Protein backbone atom coordinates (compact mmCIF):
# COMPACT_ATOMS: atom_id res chain seq x y z
CA MET A 1 30.70 234.90 428.48
CA VAL A 2 27.72 233.65 426.50
CA SER A 3 29.01 230.07 426.39
CA ARG A 4 29.67 230.15 430.14
CA THR A 5 26.11 231.39 430.73
CA LYS A 6 24.71 228.57 428.58
CA SER A 7 26.89 226.07 430.43
CA ASN A 8 25.57 227.33 433.78
CA LEU A 9 22.00 227.08 432.52
CA LEU A 10 22.54 223.44 431.54
CA SER A 11 24.22 222.70 434.85
CA ASN A 12 21.19 224.01 436.71
CA LEU A 13 18.83 221.62 434.93
CA PRO A 14 17.79 218.42 436.72
CA ASP A 15 19.10 215.11 435.38
CA CYS A 16 15.70 214.09 434.01
CA LEU A 17 15.65 217.12 431.69
CA LEU A 18 19.25 216.59 430.61
CA VAL A 19 18.41 212.98 429.73
CA THR A 20 15.46 214.22 427.66
CA ILE A 21 17.77 216.58 425.76
CA ILE A 22 20.38 213.88 425.21
CA SER A 23 17.67 211.53 423.94
CA LEU A 24 17.04 213.94 421.07
CA LEU A 25 20.68 213.88 419.94
CA PRO A 26 22.17 211.51 417.36
CA PHE A 27 23.90 208.54 418.98
CA LYS A 28 27.45 209.72 418.31
CA GLN A 29 26.76 213.15 419.76
CA SER A 30 24.98 211.73 422.80
CA VAL A 31 28.04 209.60 423.59
CA ARG A 32 30.28 212.67 423.32
CA THR A 33 28.32 214.42 426.09
CA SER A 34 29.88 211.99 428.58
CA VAL A 35 33.14 213.95 428.48
CA LEU A 36 31.60 217.36 429.24
CA ALA A 37 31.79 216.95 433.00
CA LYS A 38 31.77 214.28 435.69
CA ARG A 39 28.02 214.71 436.15
CA TRP A 40 27.45 213.97 432.45
CA LYS A 41 29.53 210.78 432.37
CA ASN A 42 26.63 208.31 432.54
CA LEU A 43 23.71 210.49 431.50
CA CYS A 44 23.83 209.25 427.90
CA LEU A 45 23.18 205.77 429.30
CA GLU A 46 19.85 207.01 430.64
CA THR A 47 18.49 207.99 427.22
CA THR A 48 14.95 206.92 426.29
CA ASN A 49 15.24 206.96 422.48
CA LEU A 50 18.04 204.92 420.93
CA ILE A 51 19.00 205.55 417.31
CA PHE A 52 22.07 203.71 416.03
CA LYS A 53 22.87 205.00 412.53
CA GLU A 54 25.72 203.71 410.44
CA SER A 55 25.83 207.05 408.58
CA GLU A 56 27.14 208.78 411.71
CA PHE A 57 30.27 206.63 411.65
CA VAL A 58 30.74 205.43 408.08
CA ASN A 59 31.53 207.43 404.96
CA LEU A 60 30.24 205.19 402.17
CA SER A 61 32.00 207.27 399.50
CA THR A 62 35.48 206.18 400.65
CA ASP A 63 37.40 203.02 399.78
CA THR A 64 36.19 199.55 400.76
CA LYS A 65 38.86 198.99 403.43
CA THR A 66 37.99 202.23 405.22
CA ILE A 67 34.27 201.50 405.01
CA LYS A 68 34.75 198.07 406.61
CA SER A 69 36.90 199.55 409.37
CA GLU A 70 34.44 202.35 410.16
CA ARG A 71 31.50 199.94 410.03
CA ALA A 72 33.21 197.59 412.49
CA LEU A 73 33.85 200.54 414.83
CA PHE A 74 30.18 201.55 414.60
CA VAL A 75 28.91 198.08 415.46
CA SER A 76 31.49 197.68 418.23
CA THR A 77 30.51 201.04 419.77
CA MET A 78 26.85 200.10 419.64
CA ARG A 79 27.43 196.75 421.31
CA GLN A 80 29.65 198.29 424.00
CA TRP A 81 26.99 200.92 424.67
CA ILE A 82 24.15 198.44 425.17
CA SER A 83 26.35 196.25 427.38
CA SER A 84 27.04 199.30 429.58
CA PHE A 85 23.48 200.58 429.64
CA THR A 86 22.33 201.44 433.15
CA GLY A 87 19.16 203.38 432.39
CA ARG A 88 16.30 203.09 434.84
CA GLN A 89 13.71 204.76 432.64
CA VAL A 90 11.55 202.99 430.10
CA ILE A 91 13.15 203.03 426.65
CA LYS A 92 10.54 204.33 424.24
CA SER A 93 12.14 203.38 420.94
CA LEU A 94 15.09 201.65 419.32
CA GLU A 95 16.26 202.17 415.74
CA PHE A 96 19.18 200.42 414.08
CA TYR A 97 20.47 201.27 410.59
CA LEU A 98 23.23 199.22 408.96
CA SER A 99 23.64 198.88 405.20
CA GLU A 100 25.68 195.66 405.34
CA PRO A 101 24.80 193.18 408.12
CA VAL A 102 27.05 190.40 406.77
CA SER A 103 29.41 189.13 409.54
CA PHE A 104 27.58 191.11 412.25
CA GLU A 105 24.89 188.52 412.99
CA GLU A 106 25.75 188.00 416.65
CA GLU A 107 25.89 191.74 417.33
CA ILE A 108 22.46 192.14 415.76
CA ILE A 109 21.12 189.31 417.90
CA SER A 110 22.59 191.01 420.99
CA LEU A 111 20.77 194.20 420.06
CA THR A 112 17.43 192.43 419.70
CA GLU A 113 18.02 190.59 422.98
CA PHE A 114 18.61 193.98 424.58
CA ALA A 115 15.31 195.20 423.10
CA ALA A 116 13.55 192.17 424.55
CA SER A 117 15.14 192.58 427.99
CA LYS A 118 14.08 196.24 428.14
CA GLN A 119 10.62 195.47 426.70
CA ILE A 120 10.98 198.16 424.05
CA LYS A 121 7.70 198.58 422.18
CA ASN A 122 8.89 200.63 419.17
CA VAL A 123 11.65 199.05 417.09
CA ALA A 124 13.05 199.70 413.61
CA ILE A 125 15.68 197.44 412.02
CA ASP A 126 16.83 198.65 408.65
CA PHE A 127 19.54 197.11 406.48
CA SER A 128 18.65 199.21 403.45
CA ILE A 129 21.25 200.59 401.09
CA PRO A 130 21.45 204.41 400.92
CA ALA A 131 20.05 205.76 397.67
CA SER A 132 23.37 207.47 396.95
CA ARG A 133 25.28 204.18 396.89
CA LYS A 134 25.25 201.92 393.84
CA ILE A 135 25.53 198.22 394.63
CA GLU A 136 27.25 195.99 392.10
CA VAL A 137 26.00 192.51 391.18
CA VAL A 138 29.07 190.94 392.80
CA GLU A 139 28.11 192.38 396.19
CA HIS A 140 24.62 190.94 395.83
CA LEU A 141 26.08 187.50 395.11
CA VAL A 142 28.55 187.67 398.03
CA THR A 143 25.74 188.47 400.45
CA LEU A 144 23.53 185.76 399.01
CA MET A 145 26.28 183.12 399.24
CA HIS A 146 27.11 184.17 402.80
CA TYR A 147 23.57 183.63 404.05
CA GLN A 148 23.10 180.41 402.12
CA ASN A 149 26.24 178.94 403.72
CA THR A 150 25.83 180.22 407.27
CA LYS A 151 23.86 178.57 410.06
CA PHE A 152 22.55 181.96 411.21
CA ASP A 153 18.82 181.68 411.85
CA ILE A 154 17.19 185.04 411.21
CA THR A 155 14.08 183.98 413.15
CA ARG A 156 16.18 184.59 416.30
CA ILE A 157 15.84 188.30 415.56
CA PHE A 158 12.06 188.13 415.52
CA PHE A 159 11.87 185.79 418.50
CA ASN A 160 13.39 188.67 420.49
CA LEU A 161 10.86 191.12 419.04
CA ILE A 162 7.69 189.19 419.79
CA HIS A 163 6.44 191.83 422.24
CA VAL A 164 7.17 194.87 420.05
CA ARG A 165 4.02 196.82 419.19
CA ASN A 166 5.37 199.15 416.46
CA LEU A 167 7.83 197.39 414.16
CA THR A 168 9.72 198.60 411.09
CA ILE A 169 11.56 196.08 408.93
CA CYS A 170 13.41 196.21 405.61
CA SER A 171 13.48 194.23 402.38
CA PHE A 172 16.56 192.36 403.57
CA LEU A 173 14.65 190.81 406.47
CA ILE A 174 11.53 190.20 404.39
CA GLN A 175 13.58 188.20 401.91
CA MET A 176 15.88 186.36 404.32
CA ILE A 177 13.08 185.15 406.60
CA GLN A 178 12.09 182.86 403.73
CA GLU A 179 15.39 180.99 403.98
CA CYS A 180 14.62 179.64 407.46
CA GLU A 181 13.27 176.20 408.21
CA ASP A 182 9.49 176.29 408.49
CA PRO A 183 9.41 180.10 408.01
CA MET A 184 5.62 180.31 408.43
CA GLU A 185 6.19 179.70 412.14
CA LEU A 186 8.04 182.60 413.79
CA HIS A 187 8.06 180.86 417.16
CA ASP A 188 5.14 182.44 419.01
CA ALA A 189 2.77 184.96 417.44
CA MET A 190 4.13 188.50 417.34
CA GLU A 191 2.24 191.25 419.18
CA ALA A 192 2.85 193.94 416.57
CA ARG A 193 -0.07 196.31 416.07
CA HIS A 194 1.65 198.55 413.53
CA LEU A 195 4.03 197.17 410.91
CA ILE A 196 6.09 199.17 408.41
CA MET A 197 7.75 197.27 405.57
CA LYS A 198 10.44 199.05 403.56
CA THR A 199 10.07 197.18 400.31
CA ASN A 200 9.81 197.42 396.54
CA LEU A 201 7.20 194.62 396.41
CA HIS A 202 9.46 192.47 394.27
CA ALA A 203 8.29 188.90 393.71
CA ASN A 204 11.20 187.72 395.90
CA GLU A 205 9.52 189.46 398.84
CA PHE A 206 6.01 188.06 398.41
CA VAL A 207 6.41 184.98 400.59
CA GLY A 208 8.15 187.03 403.27
CA ILE A 209 5.25 189.49 403.32
CA THR A 210 2.79 186.64 403.85
CA ILE A 211 4.96 185.25 406.66
CA PHE A 212 4.62 188.51 408.56
CA LEU A 213 0.89 188.76 407.90
CA ASN A 214 0.54 185.26 409.31
CA SER A 215 2.78 186.02 412.30
CA CYS A 216 1.02 189.25 413.38
CA PRO A 217 -2.58 188.19 414.21
CA GLU A 218 -3.30 191.47 416.05
CA LEU A 219 -2.04 193.81 413.32
CA GLU A 220 -4.04 197.03 413.03
CA SER A 221 -2.07 199.04 410.47
CA LEU A 222 0.26 198.02 407.66
CA THR A 223 2.54 200.40 405.74
CA PHE A 224 4.48 199.63 402.58
CA ASP A 225 7.26 202.20 402.25
CA MET A 226 8.28 201.69 398.64
CA ASP A 227 12.05 201.83 398.25
CA THR A 228 13.52 201.32 394.78
CA THR A 229 17.10 201.08 396.13
CA GLN A 230 16.58 197.69 397.77
CA ARG A 231 18.79 194.79 396.70
CA ILE A 232 17.46 191.41 395.66
CA LEU A 233 19.12 188.74 397.78
CA ARG A 234 17.30 185.54 396.92
CA VAL A 235 17.36 183.30 393.89
CA SER A 236 13.85 181.88 393.74
CA MET A 237 11.63 180.06 391.29
CA PRO A 238 9.79 182.38 388.90
CA LEU A 239 6.23 183.10 389.94
CA ASP A 240 3.36 185.03 388.46
CA PRO A 241 2.47 187.89 390.86
CA LYS A 242 -1.19 187.98 389.87
CA THR A 243 -1.63 184.22 390.36
CA PHE A 244 0.31 184.25 393.64
CA TRP A 245 -1.95 186.84 395.27
CA LEU A 246 -5.19 185.50 393.78
CA ASN A 247 -4.47 182.06 395.25
CA ASN A 248 -2.97 183.19 398.55
CA ASP A 249 -4.67 182.31 401.84
CA THR A 250 -6.20 184.80 404.21
CA TYR A 251 -4.81 185.50 407.69
CA GLU A 252 -6.27 186.24 411.09
CA CYS A 253 -5.29 189.92 411.02
CA LEU A 254 -7.08 190.40 407.70
CA GLU A 255 -10.25 188.88 409.09
CA ARG A 256 -10.29 190.60 412.49
CA THR A 257 -7.96 193.54 413.11
CA LEU A 258 -6.30 195.18 410.08
CA LYS A 259 -8.04 198.50 409.52
CA VAL A 260 -5.47 200.76 407.86
CA VAL A 261 -3.13 200.13 404.92
CA GLU A 262 -0.74 202.79 403.60
CA VAL A 263 1.49 202.76 400.55
CA LYS A 264 4.15 205.45 400.57
CA ASN A 265 5.91 206.44 397.34
CA PHE A 266 3.11 204.81 395.33
CA ARG A 267 3.89 204.49 391.62
CA GLY A 268 1.02 202.35 390.39
CA GLY A 269 3.21 199.40 389.36
CA SER A 270 1.65 196.04 388.60
CA ASN A 271 3.03 194.37 391.74
CA GLU A 272 1.64 197.18 393.89
CA VAL A 273 -1.77 196.70 392.29
CA HIS A 274 -1.74 192.90 392.77
CA VAL A 275 -0.89 193.24 396.47
CA LEU A 276 -3.58 195.88 396.97
CA HIS A 277 -6.13 193.72 395.15
CA TYR A 278 -5.41 190.93 397.61
CA LEU A 279 -5.64 193.14 400.71
CA ILE A 280 -8.84 194.84 399.54
CA ARG A 281 -10.45 191.48 398.78
CA LYS A 282 -9.36 189.75 401.99
CA GLY A 283 -9.48 192.71 404.40
CA CYS A 284 -12.79 192.14 406.15
CA VAL A 285 -12.50 195.10 408.55
CA MET A 286 -10.40 197.53 406.53
CA GLU A 287 -11.46 201.15 406.88
CA ARG A 288 -8.72 203.10 405.06
CA LEU A 289 -6.37 202.58 402.17
CA ASP A 290 -4.10 205.62 401.80
CA LEU A 291 -1.92 205.84 398.70
CA TYR A 292 0.82 208.49 398.82
CA GLU A 293 2.05 209.37 395.35
CA ALA A 294 5.82 209.23 394.89
CA LYS A 295 7.58 212.56 394.45
CA GLY A 296 9.38 213.60 391.27
CA LEU A 297 7.24 211.64 388.80
CA ASN A 298 6.95 212.80 385.21
CA ASP A 299 3.63 213.13 383.39
CA ASP A 300 3.64 209.54 382.09
CA GLN A 301 4.44 208.16 385.54
CA ARG A 302 1.67 210.24 387.15
CA SER A 303 -0.76 208.94 384.54
CA LEU A 304 0.17 205.39 385.57
CA VAL A 305 -0.63 206.28 389.18
CA VAL A 306 -4.06 207.66 388.21
CA ILE A 307 -4.90 204.58 386.11
CA ALA A 308 -3.87 202.26 388.96
CA VAL A 309 -5.95 204.16 391.52
CA GLU A 310 -9.02 204.10 389.26
CA GLU A 311 -8.63 200.33 388.89
CA VAL A 312 -8.26 199.89 392.65
CA GLN A 313 -11.30 202.07 393.40
CA LYS A 314 -13.71 200.78 390.75
CA ASN A 315 -12.79 197.25 389.71
CA PHE A 316 -11.78 195.43 392.90
CA GLU A 317 -14.19 193.44 395.05
CA ARG A 318 -14.07 194.75 398.61
CA GLY A 319 -14.09 192.60 401.70
CA SER A 320 -15.18 195.56 403.84
CA LYS A 321 -18.07 197.87 403.02
CA HIS A 322 -16.48 200.56 405.22
CA LEU A 323 -13.28 200.85 403.18
CA ARG A 324 -12.29 204.33 401.97
CA ILE A 325 -9.55 204.63 399.35
CA THR A 326 -7.65 207.93 399.06
CA LEU A 327 -4.85 209.07 396.78
CA HIS A 328 -2.62 211.73 398.34
CA LYS A 329 -0.86 213.78 395.67
CA ALA A 330 2.86 214.44 396.04
């Protein structure tokens, strides 16, 4: 009786409200609503927030063969969904999470082409590895060899995301963008105003970070979301982090538009400090630097955070007299 009453209540709602409800559901559940009734068949294709998560389809604790099969099903379902999309409303956001993009390049390109065709302004593309999964060295090497031997040009992804205003990218993309020909030129300038980088600020990511700073001349906020589970994909020449950032050029966004920098899961590591030194020195219009202390640190690790913050606050030359630096305790 209760379930029938709830069903009647849902049936009485207008389509626009049902689409809003469906937009709040995980992708797999939103697709399942299409079998509830004839009226619901295409409502999931009207959703305004798209979140494609591998974790809804793939159990990473099972055997390799099962993982590959489930991952292929996930990507296939995603591609079939976007090819069938009939929504008339503006799509507000698109998020795509896949821990192993190897062999799915064309599907990923199709997704970014879809984002471009729908003029989606908020996009997250994340190929991070879940913290619960341990990646062996062999897997790192297989991925590295694959992308060194393929003709896949990762700049095609970003060409389709030129008009995105809020962009989230992962360490995988930050590293692989460096493998492209003339990587400092991402076709036209990107229109991103807010950029989130999921990174561990490894030296292998430094050049990639500068590529995005150069490619986003209108950037207003930059967030480093520190992620210690990221894999290192590139074999590069050794470089000294301090020297790299001391000698690095400035960029248009640092001179004109970048006002806010955030570091989430801040641990006070030397690479974090070198990057911050550079941004503080070159950021002519910066107003805020917010450092969010990582959770679960022991006393020694918290002491390292305090020492790093004191160095950042007292010893670094500032390019902006309006800059305020704040440490947010965990």
